[in-house]
């Protein structure tokens, strides 16, 4: 693996929430970061400024990972700006909740296109382009194990990410590339908070033995470990970070 200061990471969905926290943390770790966004240009550029202000190197890169050509275009732009990529963080995703019987084709297809299709194409591009000794870190969710009503379509896409993670780890092992997934529990982001009442949030918090919602920085620290040299023997794993809720 390249030396810490010379590595490059590509963080999808890096303009806000968990993705922004990951981009900032990797920048602090001395990694050059391509901060991907689909629509949040201003937010992505703010993350880039934060990284630069702390002495790091970063660029904002627009690409829609829910489209067939999005991943290839993203890698092209990142390589032009920062050089060969060592780390892919597949973070971009959307969540639309409804019972299976009430889930529209449009809602299902949108989640499938980004949460699973975008991750698959990102993994495929990374398998072709990452330097040997690299890292692929994708995002599942602890809802895969909760089996909660309303999460059917979303959880199905994340279960697919877990299967891809296990398989790609075996396919790329000979090149020293590790492939892992992070499965967060309830994390206090706009995506998670959207549409939830205070009573619902209180009930969710009571389910967590540590007594609090996760913070984006909790997840960023775990990604930092998986992206770094100390995780070299961790491969093909799904790490649940949920305060003990499951």
Foldseek 3Di string as FASTA:
>chain_A
DDDLQQAEEEQAPLLFFLNLLLQLVSLVSNYEYEREDAPPPVSSVVSQVSSVVVPGHYHYDYFDLLDPCRLVSSQVVRCVVRNFHQEYELEDFAADFDAPVPDDPVNLSSRLSRLAVSLVSNLVVCLVGHQQLGEYEYEAACVLVVVDGRRVSNNVSSVNVLVVQLVVLVVRVVSLYAGEYEHEYFEPTCRRPPPDDPVRLCVSQVLAPVRDGHYSNVVSVVVVCRRDDVCSVPHSYYHYHYNPSD
